[in-house]
Amino acid sequence: MEINIENREQIIKLLQAGICPICSKGNFKNPLQHTRQAHSLNSQELKDILLLNRDAGFASPDLSEKHRENALKNDSVHTMLNNRPKIDVNPTDLTKTKFSSTIKTKLDTDSEYKEYMLKKAKKAQQKAHIVRQIPVIRIADNEQENIYESITNAAKANGVTIGAIRYALQHNTKSAGYRWKYKE
């Protein structure tokens, strides 16, 4: 069957019945997945051709229910709000125990908990974006030394990767024909 707007109603009925509108094979739990895998026709492209909403689904009811249950089970925000710690301790007395996941705090409302989690996420994000610049020295065979502000700058200037210079620093080997050491 040709996929076009004239056949729209017939194609939609086939998809709802779990039948592929291209090869007429049937009984698929998700016929759009079959059209993508067997015929290289993306589900969004097919929906666009048929002038359907991109949210339109043709999965079988049992598959839809299974996906809904998995989404509810794995929804981290839902889980986070329903399973937040409720230990009575002064909020200013945030103390970590031996296990870093155990934080003793009293958080009365959802908004306080959300604020606490946002602060925690921002701290983690700031830590991840800290860029360390450790100066390194390139040593030629004639003992001539060149100093670079960072491994990144040294790698760019010498046409090698950062990993190559790091390896030479850690294993006392050469990279780009030079020995390397950290500036003390």
Foldseek 3Di string as FASTA:
>chain_A
DDQAQVCLVVCVVCLLQQAAPPPRDGDHQFNQVVCCVVVVQHSQNSCVRNVHDSPDGNGHPVVVVVVVVVCVVPVVVNVCQVVPDAADDDQVPFDADPDNVDTHHHDPDPVSSVVVVVVVVVVVVVVVPDDDFFKKWWQAPVRDIDIDRHLVRVCVVLVHDSVQLVCLAVVVHDDSRTHMYTDD
